Amino acid sequence: MITGAHSILYSANADADRAFLRDVLGFPHVDAGDGWLIFSLPPSEVAVHPDRSSGRHELYLMCDDVEAFVAAMRARRIPVAPIADRGWGRLTEITLPGGGNVGVYEPRHARPTPAAAPKARTARVKRSTKAARGRAKRATRRSRRR
């Protein structure tokens, strides 16, 4: 079924924000073509909060030590908000080069175990790859006998 989540940040300066995610936060990435970087994120979780209108979504990055995170960002002269204690976690916000803000927090709430990728799909790929190798070997043997 679900194998992951794809989050989108809209930006007035996408190239600068991509460089920030790559160079400052160090997220692994691939180039999907023409410099369009897709970033891998650490394990994630999703919560559903009540709201009068549906359709609003937020992205927060999590860290183990928000004070160390803030110090690292300030050392690089990256705008970061003061730390706020919300009970469920200690929250700050960084300003991306494109002008958008992203929340970063040190959670204090219970956290779920990260979901594993479905194994059945991986097993099928391995079986089909193994079967294809077997067919190729048999075809090679047949052509050598001729």
N, C-alpha and C. Protein backbone atom coordinates (compact mmCIF):
# COMPACT_ATOMS: atom_id res chain seq x y z
N MET A 1 0.82 -1.18 0.00
CA MET A 1 0.00 0.00 0.00
C MET A 1 0.87 1.25 0.00
N ILE A 2 0.85 2.01 1.07
CA ILE A 2 1.61 3.26 1.14
C ILE A 2 3.07 2.93 1.44
N THR A 3 3.97 3.49 0.67
CA THR A 3 5.40 3.23 0.87
C THR A 3 6.17 4.45 1.33
N GLY A 4 5.52 5.61 1.39
CA GLY A 4 6.22 6.82 1.81
C GLY A 4 5.30 8.02 1.68
N ALA A 5 5.86 9.19 1.88
CA ALA A 5 5.12 10.44 1.74
C ALA A 5 5.99 11.42 0.96
N HIS A 6 5.37 12.24 0.17
CA HIS A 6 6.08 13.26 -0.61
C HIS A 6 5.55 14.62 -0.15
N SER A 7 6.41 15.41 0.46
CA SER A 7 6.04 16.74 0.93
C SER A 7 6.52 17.76 -0.09
N ILE A 8 5.80 18.85 -0.22
CA ILE A 8 6.17 19.91 -1.16
C ILE A 8 6.28 21.22 -0.41
N LEU A 9 7.38 21.92 -0.59
CA LEU A 9 7.54 23.28 -0.09
C LEU A 9 7.45 24.21 -1.31
N TYR A 10 6.55 25.16 -1.28
CA TYR A 10 6.46 26.15 -2.35
C TYR A 10 7.35 27.32 -1.97
N SER A 11 8.08 27.84 -2.97
CA SER A 11 9.10 28.84 -2.67
C SER A 11 9.20 29.90 -3.75
N ALA A 12 9.48 31.14 -3.32
CA ALA A 12 9.75 32.23 -4.25
C ALA A 12 11.15 32.09 -4.83
N ASN A 13 12.01 31.28 -4.19
CA ASN A 13 13.37 31.05 -4.68
C ASN A 13 13.71 29.57 -4.47
N ALA A 14 13.13 28.73 -5.32
CA ALA A 14 13.27 27.28 -5.17
C ALA A 14 14.73 26.83 -5.22
N ASP A 15 15.53 27.41 -6.10
CA ASP A 15 16.94 27.00 -6.19
C ASP A 15 17.68 27.25 -4.88
N ALA A 16 17.45 28.40 -4.26
CA ALA A 16 18.12 28.72 -2.98
C ALA A 16 17.65 27.77 -1.88
N ASP A 17 16.36 27.47 -1.86
CA ASP A 17 15.84 26.57 -0.83
C ASP A 17 16.33 25.14 -1.05
N ARG A 18 16.45 24.71 -2.30
CA ARG A 18 17.01 23.38 -2.58
C ARG A 18 18.47 23.33 -2.11
N ALA A 19 19.22 24.37 -2.38
CA ALA A 19 20.62 24.42 -1.93
C ALA A 19 20.70 24.37 -0.41
N PHE A 20 19.78 25.02 0.27
CA PHE A 20 19.73 25.01 1.74
C PHE A 20 19.50 23.59 2.25
N LEU A 21 18.50 22.91 1.69
CA LEU A 21 18.21 21.54 2.13
C LEU A 21 19.39 20.61 1.85
N ARG A 22 20.06 20.83 0.72
CA ARG A 22 21.21 20.00 0.34
C ARG A 22 22.45 20.34 1.16
N ASP A 23 22.82 21.62 1.21
CA ASP A 23 24.10 22.02 1.77
C ASP A 23 24.08 22.30 3.28
N VAL A 24 23.00 22.84 3.78
CA VAL A 24 22.93 23.19 5.20
C VAL A 24 22.36 22.03 6.03
N LEU A 25 21.20 21.52 5.61
CA LEU A 25 20.61 20.42 6.37
C LEU A 25 21.18 19.06 5.97
N GLY A 26 21.84 18.99 4.83
CA GLY A 26 22.53 17.77 4.41
C GLY A 26 21.62 16.61 4.04
N PHE A 27 20.42 16.90 3.53
CA PHE A 27 19.51 15.83 3.14
C PHE A 27 20.01 15.13 1.88
N PRO A 28 20.06 13.81 1.87
CA PRO A 28 20.42 13.08 0.64
C PRO A 28 19.38 13.42 -0.45
N HIS A 29 19.81 13.39 -1.70
CA HIS A 29 18.91 13.80 -2.77
C HIS A 29 19.26 13.12 -4.08
N VAL A 30 18.35 13.21 -5.01
CA VAL A 30 18.59 12.82 -6.40
C VAL A 30 18.17 13.99 -7.26
N ASP A 31 18.77 14.08 -8.44
CA ASP A 31 18.38 15.10 -9.40
C ASP A 31 17.39 14.44 -10.36
N ALA A 32 16.15 14.89 -10.31
CA ALA A 32 15.10 14.32 -11.16
C ALA A 32 15.17 14.90 -12.57
N GLY A 33 16.14 15.75 -12.83
CA GLY A 33 16.31 16.37 -14.14
C GLY A 33 16.29 17.88 -14.04
N ASP A 34 17.19 18.53 -14.76
CA ASP A 34 17.26 19.99 -14.82
C ASP A 34 17.44 20.65 -13.45
N GLY A 35 18.17 19.99 -12.53
CA GLY A 35 18.42 20.55 -11.22
C GLY A 35 17.25 20.46 -10.26
N TRP A 36 16.22 19.71 -10.63
CA TRP A 36 15.03 19.54 -9.78
C TRP A 36 15.36 18.45 -8.77
N LEU A 37 15.78 18.87 -7.57
CA LEU A 37 16.22 17.92 -6.55
C LEU A 37 15.05 17.38 -5.75
N ILE A 38 15.07 16.08 -5.52
CA ILE A 38 14.10 15.41 -4.65
C ILE A 38 14.90 14.90 -3.46
N PHE A 39 14.48 15.28 -2.25
CA PHE A 39 15.24 14.98 -1.04
C PHE A 39 14.64 13.82 -0.26
N SER A 40 15.54 13.03 0.29
CA SER A 40 15.14 11.98 1.22
C SER A 40 15.04 12.61 2.59
N LEU A 41 14.03 12.22 3.34
CA LEU A 41 13.86 12.73 4.70
C LEU A 41 14.05 11.60 5.70
N PRO A 42 14.35 11.96 6.93
CA PRO A 42 14.41 10.95 7.98
C PRO A 42 13.02 10.33 8.18
N PRO A 43 12.92 9.29 9.01
CA PRO A 43 11.58 8.72 9.28
C PRO A 43 10.61 9.83 9.66
N SER A 44 9.37 9.64 9.28
CA SER A 44 8.37 10.68 9.52
C SER A 44 7.15 10.10 10.21
N GLU A 45 6.27 11.00 10.60
CA GLU A 45 5.00 10.62 11.20
C GLU A 45 3.96 11.64 10.77
N VAL A 46 2.71 11.30 10.89
CA VAL A 46 1.64 12.22 10.52
C VAL A 46 0.63 12.27 11.67
N ALA A 47 0.13 13.45 11.95
CA ALA A 47 -0.90 13.64 12.96
C ALA A 47 -2.07 14.36 12.30
N VAL A 48 -3.27 14.10 12.77
CA VAL A 48 -4.45 14.77 12.24
C VAL A 48 -5.01 15.65 13.36
N HIS A 49 -5.01 16.96 13.12
CA HIS A 49 -5.50 17.92 14.11
C HIS A 49 -6.87 18.42 13.68
N PRO A 50 -7.76 18.67 14.63
CA PRO A 50 -9.07 19.22 14.26
C PRO A 50 -8.92 20.65 13.74
N ASP A 51 -9.75 21.01 12.75
CA ASP A 51 -9.73 22.35 12.17
C ASP A 51 -11.08 22.58 11.50
N ARG A 52 -11.56 23.80 11.50
CA ARG A 52 -12.85 24.10 10.88
C ARG A 52 -12.84 23.88 9.37
N SER A 53 -11.66 24.06 8.76
CA SER A 53 -11.57 23.85 7.31
C SER A 53 -10.51 22.79 7.03
N SER A 54 -10.82 21.90 6.14
CA SER A 54 -9.85 20.88 5.75
C SER A 54 -8.99 21.41 4.62
N GLY A 55 -7.87 20.76 4.38
CA GLY A 55 -7.02 21.14 3.26
C GLY A 55 -5.78 21.91 3.65
N ARG A 56 -5.66 22.32 4.88
CA ARG A 56 -4.46 23.03 5.33
C ARG A 56 -3.50 21.98 5.85
N HIS A 57 -2.23 22.06 5.44
CA HIS A 57 -1.21 21.11 5.87
C HIS A 57 0.02 21.86 6.33
N GLU A 58 0.76 21.28 7.25
CA GLU A 58 1.98 21.90 7.77
C GLU A 58 3.10 20.87 7.76
N LEU A 59 4.32 21.36 7.67
CA LEU A 59 5.50 20.51 7.72
C LEU A 59 6.38 20.97 8.87
N TYR A 60 6.73 20.04 9.73
CA TYR A 60 7.68 20.31 10.81
C TYR A 60 8.81 19.29 10.69
N LEU A 61 10.02 19.74 10.83
CA LEU A 61 11.17 18.84 10.93
C LEU A 61 11.40 18.59 12.42
N MET A 62 11.90 17.41 12.77
CA MET A 62 12.14 17.07 14.17
C MET A 62 13.64 16.89 14.40
N CYS A 63 14.06 17.19 15.62
CA CYS A 63 15.46 17.00 16.00
C CYS A 63 15.51 16.48 17.43
N ASP A 64 16.67 15.96 17.81
CA ASP A 64 16.84 15.43 19.17
C ASP A 64 17.18 16.51 20.18
N ASP A 65 17.78 17.62 19.72
CA ASP A 65 18.23 18.68 20.62
C ASP A 65 18.01 20.03 19.93
N VAL A 66 16.91 20.68 20.23
CA VAL A 66 16.57 21.93 19.55
C VAL A 66 17.56 23.05 19.88
N GLU A 67 18.11 23.04 21.08
CA GLU A 67 19.09 24.09 21.41
C GLU A 67 20.35 23.95 20.55
N ALA A 68 20.81 22.71 20.34
CA ALA A 68 21.98 22.49 19.48
C ALA A 68 21.66 22.87 18.04
N PHE A 69 20.45 22.57 17.59
CA PHE A 69 20.03 22.93 16.24
C PHE A 69 20.05 24.45 16.07
N VAL A 70 19.46 25.18 17.01
CA VAL A 70 19.42 26.64 16.93
C VAL A 70 20.85 27.20 16.92
N ALA A 71 21.72 26.68 17.77
CA ALA A 71 23.11 27.15 17.81
C ALA A 71 23.81 26.90 16.47
N ALA A 72 23.59 25.74 15.87
CA ALA A 72 24.21 25.43 14.58
C ALA A 72 23.70 26.36 13.48
N MET A 73 22.42 26.68 13.50
CA MET A 73 21.86 27.58 12.49
C MET A 73 22.38 29.01 12.68
N ARG A 74 22.42 29.45 13.93
CA ARG A 74 22.92 30.81 14.20
C ARG A 74 24.39 30.93 13.83
N ALA A 75 25.16 29.87 14.03
CA ALA A 75 26.58 29.89 13.65
C ALA A 75 26.73 30.07 12.13
N ARG A 76 25.74 29.64 11.38
CA ARG A 76 25.76 29.79 9.92
C ARG A 76 24.98 31.03 9.47
N ARG A 77 24.58 31.86 10.44
CA ARG A 77 23.84 33.10 10.18
C ARG A 77 22.49 32.85 9.49
N ILE A 78 21.86 31.76 9.87
CA ILE A 78 20.55 31.42 9.33
C ILE A 78 19.49 31.91 10.33
N PRO A 79 18.54 32.71 9.86
CA PRO A 79 17.50 33.22 10.77
C PRO A 79 16.72 32.09 11.43
N VAL A 80 16.62 32.16 12.73
CA VAL A 80 15.92 31.14 13.50
C VAL A 80 15.18 31.83 14.65
N ALA A 81 13.95 31.38 14.88
CA ALA A 81 13.12 31.99 15.93
C ALA A 81 13.55 31.49 17.31
N PRO A 82 13.22 32.24 18.34
CA PRO A 82 13.50 31.76 19.70
C PRO A 82 12.76 30.44 19.96
N ILE A 83 13.28 29.64 20.86
CA ILE A 83 12.67 28.35 21.21
C ILE A 83 11.45 28.61 22.09
N ALA A 84 10.34 27.97 21.74
CA ALA A 84 9.11 28.06 22.52
C ALA A 84 8.77 26.68 23.06
N ASP A 85 8.46 26.61 24.35
CA ASP A 85 8.06 25.34 24.96
C ASP A 85 6.56 25.21 24.82
N ARG A 86 6.11 24.21 24.09
CA ARG A 86 4.68 24.00 23.84
C ARG A 86 4.11 22.84 24.66
N GLY A 87 4.91 22.25 25.53
CA GLY A 87 4.46 21.11 26.31
C GLY A 87 4.70 19.81 25.57
N TRP A 88 4.15 19.68 24.37
CA TRP A 88 4.35 18.49 23.54
C TRP A 88 5.73 18.47 22.89
N GLY A 89 6.43 19.62 22.98
CA GLY A 89 7.76 19.73 22.40
C GLY A 89 8.29 21.14 22.49
N ARG A 90 9.56 21.29 22.17
CA ARG A 90 10.21 22.60 22.14
C ARG A 90 10.38 22.98 20.69
N LEU A 91 9.82 24.12 20.29
CA LEU A 91 9.65 24.50 18.90
C LEU A 91 10.43 25.75 18.53
N THR A 92 11.02 25.73 17.35
CA THR A 92 11.61 26.91 16.74
C THR A 92 11.17 26.94 15.29
N GLU A 93 11.65 27.92 14.58
CA GLU A 93 11.29 28.05 13.17
C GLU A 93 12.49 28.62 12.44
N ILE A 94 12.83 28.03 11.29
CA ILE A 94 13.91 28.58 10.47
C ILE A 94 13.30 29.28 9.27
N THR A 95 13.98 30.30 8.81
CA THR A 95 13.56 31.00 7.60
C THR A 95 14.44 30.52 6.46
N LEU A 96 13.82 29.97 5.45
CA LEU A 96 14.55 29.49 4.27
C LEU A 96 14.97 30.67 3.41
N PRO A 97 15.99 30.49 2.56
CA PRO A 97 16.44 31.58 1.70
C PRO A 97 15.33 32.16 0.83
N GLY A 98 14.35 31.34 0.45
CA GLY A 98 13.24 31.81 -0.37
C GLY A 98 12.20 32.60 0.41
N GLY A 99 12.39 32.74 1.73
CA GLY A 99 11.50 33.53 2.56
C GLY A 99 10.48 32.74 3.35
N GLY A 100 10.29 31.47 3.03
CA GLY A 100 9.33 30.65 3.75
C GLY A 100 9.89 30.20 5.10
N ASN A 101 8.99 29.81 5.99
CA ASN A 101 9.40 29.32 7.30
C ASN A 101 9.07 27.84 7.44
N VAL A 102 9.91 27.11 8.15
CA VAL A 102 9.68 25.70 8.45
C VAL A 102 9.90 25.51 9.94
N GLY A 103 8.92 24.89 10.59
CA GLY A 103 9.04 24.60 12.01
C GLY A 103 10.01 23.45 12.25
N VAL A 104 10.76 23.54 13.33
CA VAL A 104 11.67 22.48 13.76
C VAL A 104 11.43 22.30 15.24
N TYR A 105 11.23 21.04 15.65
CA TYR A 105 10.98 20.85 17.07
C TYR A 105 11.59 19.58 17.62
N GLU A 106 11.82 19.64 18.92
CA GLU A 106 12.30 18.50 19.71
C GLU A 106 11.05 17.91 20.38
N PRO A 107 10.56 16.76 19.90
CA PRO A 107 9.32 16.23 20.45
C PRO A 107 9.47 15.71 21.87
N ARG A 108 8.41 15.89 22.64
CA ARG A 108 8.32 15.31 23.99
C ARG A 108 7.19 14.28 24.05
N HIS A 109 6.40 14.22 22.99
CA HIS A 109 5.27 13.29 22.95
C HIS A 109 5.74 11.89 22.57
N ALA A 110 4.88 10.90 22.81
CA ALA A 110 5.19 9.53 22.41
C ALA A 110 5.36 9.50 20.89
N ARG A 111 6.28 8.68 20.42
CA ARG A 111 6.56 8.60 18.99
C ARG A 111 6.35 7.17 18.51
N PRO A 112 5.72 6.99 17.35
CA PRO A 112 5.51 5.65 16.83
C PRO A 112 6.82 5.08 16.27
N THR A 113 6.89 3.77 16.22
CA THR A 113 8.03 3.11 15.56
C THR A 113 7.90 3.37 14.07
N PRO A 114 8.99 3.76 13.39
CA PRO A 114 8.89 4.01 11.95
C PRO A 114 8.36 2.79 11.21
N ALA A 115 7.49 3.03 10.26
CA ALA A 115 6.94 1.95 9.45
C ALA A 115 8.01 1.43 8.50
N ALA A 116 8.02 0.14 8.30
CA ALA A 116 8.96 -0.47 7.36
C ALA A 116 8.32 -0.51 5.98
N ALA A 117 9.15 -0.48 4.96
CA ALA A 117 8.65 -0.61 3.60
C ALA A 117 8.04 -2.00 3.44
N PRO A 118 7.00 -2.11 2.65
CA PRO A 118 6.39 -3.43 2.45
C PRO A 118 7.40 -4.43 1.90
N LYS A 119 7.43 -5.62 2.49
CA LYS A 119 8.40 -6.63 2.08
C LYS A 119 7.95 -7.41 0.87
N ALA A 120 6.66 -7.61 0.69
CA ALA A 120 6.16 -8.42 -0.42
C ALA A 120 6.60 -7.85 -1.75
N ARG A 121 6.53 -6.54 -1.88
CA ARG A 121 6.92 -5.91 -3.15
C ARG A 121 8.41 -6.12 -3.41
N THR A 122 9.23 -5.94 -2.39
CA THR A 122 10.67 -6.15 -2.54
C THR A 122 10.96 -7.58 -2.92
N ALA A 123 10.28 -8.54 -2.27
CA ALA A 123 10.50 -9.96 -2.56
C ALA A 123 10.15 -10.27 -4.00
N ARG A 124 9.04 -9.72 -4.50
CA ARG A 124 8.65 -9.96 -5.90
C ARG A 124 9.71 -9.45 -6.85
N VAL A 125 10.27 -8.28 -6.57
CA VAL A 125 11.30 -7.72 -7.43
C VAL A 125 12.51 -8.64 -7.42
N LYS A 126 12.90 -9.11 -6.25
CA LYS A 126 14.05 -10.01 -6.17
C LYS A 126 13.79 -11.29 -6.93
N ARG A 127 12.57 -11.87 -6.76
CA ARG A 127 12.26 -13.12 -7.46
C ARG A 127 12.29 -12.90 -8.96
N SER A 128 11.70 -11.80 -9.43
CA SER A 128 11.66 -11.58 -10.87
C SER A 128 13.06 -11.32 -11.41
N THR A 129 13.91 -10.64 -10.65
CA THR A 129 15.28 -10.41 -11.08
C THR A 129 16.03 -11.73 -11.14
N LYS A 130 15.84 -12.57 -10.13
CA LYS A 130 16.49 -13.88 -10.10
C LYS A 130 16.01 -14.74 -11.27
N ALA A 131 14.71 -14.71 -11.54
CA ALA A 131 14.16 -15.48 -12.65
C ALA A 131 14.73 -14.98 -13.98
N ALA A 132 14.86 -13.67 -14.13
CA ALA A 132 15.41 -13.11 -15.37
C ALA A 132 16.86 -13.54 -15.56
N ARG A 133 17.63 -13.56 -14.47
CA ARG A 133 19.02 -14.02 -14.57
C ARG A 133 19.07 -15.48 -14.99
N GLY A 134 18.17 -16.29 -14.42
CA GLY A 134 18.12 -17.71 -14.77
C GLY A 134 17.79 -17.90 -16.24
N ARG A 135 16.82 -17.14 -16.76
CA ARG A 135 16.47 -17.24 -18.18
C ARG A 135 17.65 -16.82 -19.05
N ALA A 136 18.36 -15.78 -18.66
CA ALA A 136 19.50 -15.32 -19.44
C ALA A 136 20.61 -16.38 -19.47
N LYS A 137 20.87 -17.03 -18.34
CA LYS A 137 21.89 -18.09 -18.29
C LYS A 137 21.51 -19.25 -19.19
N ARG A 138 20.24 -19.66 -19.14
CA ARG A 138 19.78 -20.78 -19.98
C ARG A 138 19.91 -20.43 -21.45
N ALA A 139 19.56 -19.20 -21.81
CA ALA A 139 19.66 -18.77 -23.21
C ALA A 139 21.11 -18.77 -23.66
N THR A 140 22.02 -18.35 -22.79
CA THR A 140 23.45 -18.34 -23.13
C THR A 140 23.95 -19.76 -23.36
N ARG A 141 23.55 -20.69 -22.47
CA ARG A 141 23.97 -22.09 -22.62
C ARG A 141 23.44 -22.67 -23.94
N ARG A 142 22.19 -22.38 -24.26
CA ARG A 142 21.62 -22.89 -25.51
C ARG A 142 22.38 -22.36 -26.72
N SER A 143 22.73 -21.07 -26.70
CA SER A 143 23.42 -20.51 -27.85
C SER A 143 24.84 -21.06 -27.98
N ARG A 144 25.47 -21.43 -26.88
CA ARG A 144 26.82 -22.02 -26.94
C ARG A 144 26.78 -23.44 -27.51
N ARG A 145 25.69 -24.17 -27.25
CA ARG A 145 25.58 -25.55 -27.74
C ARG A 145 25.41 -25.58 -29.25
N ARG A 146 24.88 -24.53 -29.84
CA ARG A 146 24.62 -24.51 -31.30
C ARG A 146 25.87 -24.34 -32.03
